[in-house]
Amino acid sequence: MINDMKKAGLQEPEFKEEMGGFSIYLEKGTFVDSRFKELGLNERQIKAIDYIRENGKITNEEYQKINMIGRRQATNDLGMLIRIKLLKRKGKVGKGTFYTINKRSPNAH
């Protein structure tokens, strides 16, 4: 369970012994479908988040392919996800750039 949560970009569960029993606390995290709509994400962006959940990262080129759109639209969509801090950009600018889930997103709550 811990590995699956890490892989999904969620925090590890918190285990506590309390009131004579044992509790496990799971944080919902940023990437809950209902939260996507609140943040104003479009279907392309939601598809990208799902892609990152499965593959760990996405490039602009991959974003274009999975959404069948041009480079300019992909750059705009990914830029918005960075501005609202859901994704972070990594790697060298250009072909070396890829995007991952920002695990420290303030939008998690």
Foldseek 3Di string as FASTA:
>chain_A
DQVLCVLQLFHGWDWDCPPNHIDIHGQPFQLDVVLCVVLPADPLLNVLSVVCSVVVKADLVRSCVVVVHDSVVSVVNVVSCVVQQQWDWDADPDPGIIIGGRSPGPSTD
